Amino acid sequence: MKPDYGNWIARPMMRTLWGITAALVLATLLCALLIGRDTAYGVLLVLSLMSLLAALYMTYCRHVLSADGGGLMRRIHSALIDRFPWDGRGTVLDIGCGTGALSIALAQQYPEAHGVGVDLWPPMWDSSAEQCVRNATLEYVRDRCSFVQGDAAALDAPNETFDAVISNFVFHEVRTQKDKFMLVIEALRVLKKGGAFALHDNFENRDLYGDINEFIDILKEEGISDISYLPHTEN
C-alpha cells in the first residue's frame, strides 16, 4: 500500500472542470441536432473547445505535479527543505500541511525532529487529518508526526512554542485573513526566539504583499534579525 499525497490540483476541481466540459459538449450536440448549426451552436462549440482545452491542460498539470507522474510537488518540497536553516532538533510546525507530505518529509530528513501539521482541510482540497496519519504510518514516521485542525490566521499555540516553522504555498489560499502580512506575523508568533523558518508563497504578488522589500523591512522592525528572500523559486 502506497501513501496518497493527493495533488495541488484536487480531484473535486477536476471533476467540476470535466463535468462542465461534458455538459457543454452535450449541449453543442443537442443544439446541432434540434436547432441546427446557427449562432447558438457556434457559441456553444467555441465554449466546448475552450473548456476541453482547459480540462486537458489542467489534467496535464496534475500529472506533472503528482508523485506518480512528474513529481514536481516532491521536488518543490525538497528544494524548500534544502533551504531550511534548521538543525532538525525539536518540533517543527507545518502550516497548511494538506496531506502531510512536507511534515513527513521533514520527519524523514531529521530523525530527531517531531513534525506538527496544521490545516483546516476544506472539502475542496480533498485531504484530511486521517489521510495525513495514514501517510505517516505508511512512511514509518507516525510516532514523530502529529496533525491537528486549525486556522493559519489564528494558530492554537502559545507564543514561542515551536523550534521551527515552515509553510509551502499556503498563505495566498487562506480566506480567513485578507492581510497576508498578518499570516506571516502569526506564523512567527509561535516560533521560539532564534528558531528557524521557511515560508514559501506568492511574495512577489503586490496585490497580496505589496512591495517585498518594504515587507522585509517591516519584519526586521518586528525583531526578525536574520531574514532573507529568495525570489523566483518557481523557476
Protein backbone atom coordinates (compact mmCIF):
# COMPACT_ATOMS: atom_id res chain seq x y z
CA MET A 1 0.00 0.00 0.00
CA LYS A 2 1.40 3.38 -1.04
CA PRO A 3 0.92 6.80 0.61
CA ASP A 4 -1.60 9.08 -1.10
CA TYR A 5 -0.29 12.64 -1.18
CA GLY A 6 -3.03 13.84 -3.47
CA ASN A 7 -2.39 16.79 -5.74
CA TRP A 8 -2.44 20.58 -5.55
CA ILE A 9 -4.99 20.37 -8.35
CA ALA A 10 -7.58 18.47 -6.35
CA ARG A 11 -9.93 15.79 -7.66
CA PRO A 12 -13.11 17.80 -6.91
CA MET A 13 -11.76 20.64 -9.05
CA MET A 14 -11.04 18.27 -11.93
CA ARG A 15 -14.43 16.60 -11.64
CA THR A 16 -16.09 20.01 -11.86
CA LEU A 17 -14.00 21.04 -14.87
CA TRP A 18 -14.64 17.84 -16.78
CA GLY A 19 -18.33 17.96 -15.81
CA ILE A 20 -18.65 21.45 -17.30
CA THR A 21 -16.85 20.26 -20.44
CA ALA A 22 -19.17 17.26 -20.82
CA ALA A 23 -22.24 19.44 -20.32
CA LEU A 24 -21.06 21.93 -22.96
CA VAL A 25 -20.28 19.17 -25.47
CA LEU A 26 -23.69 17.61 -24.90
CA ALA A 27 -25.41 20.99 -25.28
CA THR A 28 -23.50 21.60 -28.51
CA LEU A 29 -24.58 18.24 -29.97
CA LEU A 30 -28.21 18.75 -28.95
CA CYS A 31 -28.19 22.24 -30.44
CA ALA A 32 -26.86 20.88 -33.74
CA LEU A 33 -29.47 18.11 -33.82
CA LEU A 34 -32.52 20.02 -32.63
CA ILE A 35 -31.93 23.60 -33.77
CA GLY A 36 -29.24 23.44 -36.40
CA ARG A 37 -25.85 24.99 -36.81
CA ASP A 38 -26.84 28.56 -36.06
CA THR A 39 -25.21 31.25 -33.95
CA ALA A 40 -26.06 29.48 -30.71
CA TYR A 41 -24.36 26.34 -31.99
CA GLY A 42 -21.25 28.34 -32.90
CA VAL A 43 -21.06 29.89 -29.45
CA LEU A 44 -21.52 26.51 -27.75
CA LEU A 45 -18.91 24.93 -29.99
CA VAL A 46 -16.33 27.59 -29.09
CA LEU A 47 -17.12 27.26 -25.39
CA SER A 48 -16.87 23.47 -25.60
CA LEU A 49 -13.47 23.63 -27.27
CA MET A 50 -12.18 26.19 -24.75
CA SER A 51 -13.43 24.09 -21.85
CA LEU A 52 -11.92 20.92 -23.34
CA LEU A 53 -8.54 22.60 -23.80
CA ALA A 54 -8.65 23.89 -20.23
CA ALA A 55 -9.54 20.43 -18.89
CA LEU A 56 -6.75 18.77 -20.88
CA TYR A 57 -4.22 21.36 -19.76
CA MET A 58 -5.19 21.00 -16.08
CA THR A 59 -5.04 17.21 -16.42
CA TYR A 60 -1.51 17.55 -17.77
CA CYS A 61 -0.55 19.93 -14.93
CA ARG A 62 -1.97 17.49 -12.41
CA HIS A 63 0.18 14.73 -13.87
CA VAL A 64 3.30 16.92 -13.70
CA LEU A 65 2.63 17.73 -10.04
CA SER A 66 1.77 14.20 -8.92
CA ALA A 67 4.16 11.87 -7.12
CA ASP A 68 3.48 9.11 -9.65
CA GLY A 69 3.85 11.48 -12.60
CA GLY A 70 6.27 14.36 -12.92
CA GLY A 71 6.90 14.56 -9.17
CA LEU A 72 7.01 18.37 -9.14
CA MET A 73 5.35 18.63 -5.71
CA ARG A 74 8.04 16.40 -4.19
CA ARG A 75 10.83 18.40 -5.85
CA ILE A 76 9.41 21.68 -4.52
CA HIS A 77 9.28 20.23 -1.00
CA SER A 78 12.88 19.00 -1.35
CA ALA A 79 14.04 22.42 -2.53
CA LEU A 80 12.30 24.10 0.42
CA ILE A 81 13.84 21.68 2.93
CA ASP A 82 17.28 22.17 1.37
CA ARG A 83 16.96 25.92 2.05
CA PHE A 84 15.53 25.44 5.55
CA PRO A 85 18.09 26.83 8.05
CA TRP A 86 17.30 24.29 10.78
CA ASP A 87 19.39 21.63 12.50
CA GLY A 88 16.44 19.24 12.79
CA ARG A 89 16.27 19.18 16.58
CA GLY A 90 12.92 19.84 18.26
CA THR A 91 9.43 20.42 16.93
CA VAL A 92 8.57 21.95 13.57
CA LEU A 93 5.16 23.38 12.67
CA ASP A 94 3.98 22.83 9.10
CA ILE A 95 1.26 25.40 8.36
CA GLY A 96 -1.22 24.19 5.76
CA CYS A 97 0.03 20.60 5.77
CA GLY A 98 -2.62 19.24 3.37
CA THR A 99 -1.93 15.50 3.00
CA GLY A 100 1.09 15.65 5.31
CA ALA A 101 3.73 15.38 2.57
CA LEU A 102 6.01 18.14 3.86
CA SER A 103 5.63 17.20 7.53
CA ILE A 104 6.51 13.60 6.69
CA ALA A 105 9.46 14.62 4.50
CA LEU A 106 10.85 16.68 7.39
CA ALA A 107 10.47 13.74 9.78
CA GLN A 108 12.32 11.53 7.28
CA GLN A 109 15.06 14.11 6.80
CA TYR A 110 15.55 14.82 10.50
CA PRO A 111 15.41 11.72 12.76
CA GLU A 112 15.41 13.87 15.92
CA ALA A 113 12.51 16.05 14.80
CA HIS A 114 8.82 15.94 15.58
CA GLY A 115 6.50 17.47 12.99
CA VAL A 116 3.14 19.09 13.73
CA GLY A 117 0.95 19.67 10.71
CA VAL A 118 -1.99 22.08 10.92
CA ASP A 119 -4.71 22.57 8.31
CA LEU A 120 -8.39 23.41 8.01
CA TRP A 121 -8.79 20.62 5.45
CA PRO A 122 -11.67 22.21 3.50
CA PRO A 123 -13.56 19.72 1.26
CA MET A 124 -12.43 21.38 -1.97
CA TRP A 125 -8.81 20.30 -1.32
CA ASP A 126 -9.63 16.61 -0.96
CA SER A 127 -7.42 15.96 2.08
CA SER A 128 -7.91 15.21 5.77
CA ALA A 129 -6.17 14.59 9.07
CA GLU A 130 -6.92 10.88 8.68
CA GLN A 131 -5.12 10.85 5.35
CA CYS A 132 -2.10 12.54 6.94
CA VAL A 133 -1.98 9.94 9.71
CA ARG A 134 -2.31 7.11 7.19
CA ASN A 135 0.52 8.51 5.08
CA ALA A 136 2.78 8.99 8.10
CA THR A 137 2.08 5.41 9.17
CA LEU A 138 2.94 4.05 5.73
CA GLU A 139 6.16 6.10 5.74
CA TYR A 140 7.10 4.76 9.23
CA VAL A 141 7.21 8.17 10.91
CA ARG A 142 3.82 8.12 12.66
CA ASP A 143 5.47 8.34 16.09
CA ARG A 144 7.10 11.65 15.11
CA CYS A 145 4.23 13.34 13.30
CA SER A 146 1.05 14.93 14.68
CA PHE A 147 -1.78 16.53 12.75
CA VAL A 148 -4.34 18.98 14.11
CA GLN A 149 -7.11 21.04 12.59
CA GLY A 150 -6.55 24.76 12.79
CA ASP A 151 -6.55 28.12 11.05
CA ALA A 152 -3.32 29.71 9.80
CA ALA A 153 -4.79 33.10 10.73
CA ALA A 154 -5.19 32.12 14.39
CA LEU A 155 -2.86 29.30 15.36
CA ASP A 156 -3.88 27.46 18.52
CA ALA A 157 -0.50 27.65 20.23
CA PRO A 158 1.16 29.99 22.75
CA ASN A 159 3.89 32.39 21.74
CA GLU A 160 7.30 30.81 21.09
CA THR A 161 6.07 27.22 21.01
CA PHE A 162 7.97 25.71 18.08
CA ASP A 163 11.65 25.34 17.27
CA ALA A 164 10.95 25.80 13.57
CA VAL A 165 8.07 26.88 11.32
CA ILE A 166 7.58 26.04 7.68
CA SER A 167 4.81 26.63 5.15
CA ASN A 168 4.63 25.86 1.46
CA PHE A 169 2.43 27.85 -0.91
CA VAL A 170 -0.46 28.21 1.54
CA PHE A 171 -0.92 31.81 2.69
CA HIS A 172 -2.43 33.08 -0.58
CA GLU A 173 -5.21 30.48 -0.20
CA VAL A 174 -6.20 31.46 3.37
CA ARG A 175 -9.68 33.03 3.27
CA THR A 176 -9.95 33.95 6.96
CA GLN A 177 -7.30 36.67 6.75
CA LYS A 178 -7.12 39.08 3.80
CA ASP A 179 -3.97 40.78 5.09
CA LYS A 180 -1.31 38.22 4.20
CA PHE A 181 1.30 40.12 6.20
CA MET A 182 -0.63 39.18 9.32
CA LEU A 183 -0.37 35.49 8.38
CA VAL A 184 3.40 35.79 8.38
CA ILE A 185 3.32 37.60 11.72
CA GLU A 186 1.08 34.87 13.15
CA ALA A 187 3.45 32.16 11.90
CA LEU A 188 6.41 33.91 13.52
CA ARG A 189 4.48 34.48 16.76
CA VAL A 190 4.61 30.77 17.61
CA LEU A 191 8.31 30.46 16.70
CA LYS A 192 10.85 30.41 19.51
CA LYS A 193 13.42 33.19 19.57
CA GLY A 194 16.34 32.07 17.45
CA GLY A 195 14.18 29.45 15.74
CA ALA A 196 14.28 28.74 12.02
CA PHE A 197 11.56 29.42 9.49
CA ALA A 198 10.97 28.96 5.75
CA LEU A 199 7.81 30.43 4.26
CA HIS A 200 7.07 29.87 0.57
CA ASP A 201 4.27 31.82 -1.12
CA ASN A 202 3.45 34.37 -3.86
CA PHE A 203 5.50 37.05 -2.12
CA GLU A 204 6.08 38.96 -5.36
CA ASN A 205 2.36 39.41 -5.86
CA ARG A 206 1.89 43.09 -4.97
CA ASP A 207 -1.86 42.64 -4.57
CA LEU A 208 -1.15 40.25 -1.71
CA TYR A 209 2.07 41.51 -0.14
CA GLY A 210 2.81 44.94 -1.57
CA ASP A 211 6.48 45.80 -2.07
CA ILE A 212 8.52 42.81 -0.92
CA ASN A 213 11.49 44.94 0.18
CA GLU A 214 9.24 47.09 2.38
CA PHE A 215 7.67 43.88 3.66
CA ILE A 216 11.07 42.55 4.73
CA ASP A 217 11.98 45.87 6.36
CA ILE A 218 8.80 45.73 8.44
CA LEU A 219 9.61 42.19 9.56
CA LYS A 220 13.07 43.34 10.64
CA GLU A 221 11.46 46.16 12.63
CA GLU A 222 9.32 43.48 14.29
CA GLY A 223 12.53 41.93 15.61
CA ILE A 224 13.40 39.35 12.95
CA SER A 225 17.14 39.93 12.72
CA ASP A 226 18.09 37.22 10.22
CA ILE A 227 15.80 37.10 7.19
CA SER A 228 16.47 36.60 3.51
CA TYR A 229 14.24 36.46 0.47
CA LEU A 230 14.85 34.11 -2.45
CA PRO A 231 12.90 35.33 -5.49
CA HIS A 232 11.53 33.34 -8.42
CA THR A 233 11.63 29.96 -6.68
CA GLU A 234 9.19 28.69 -9.29
CA ASN A 235 11.99 28.62 -11.89
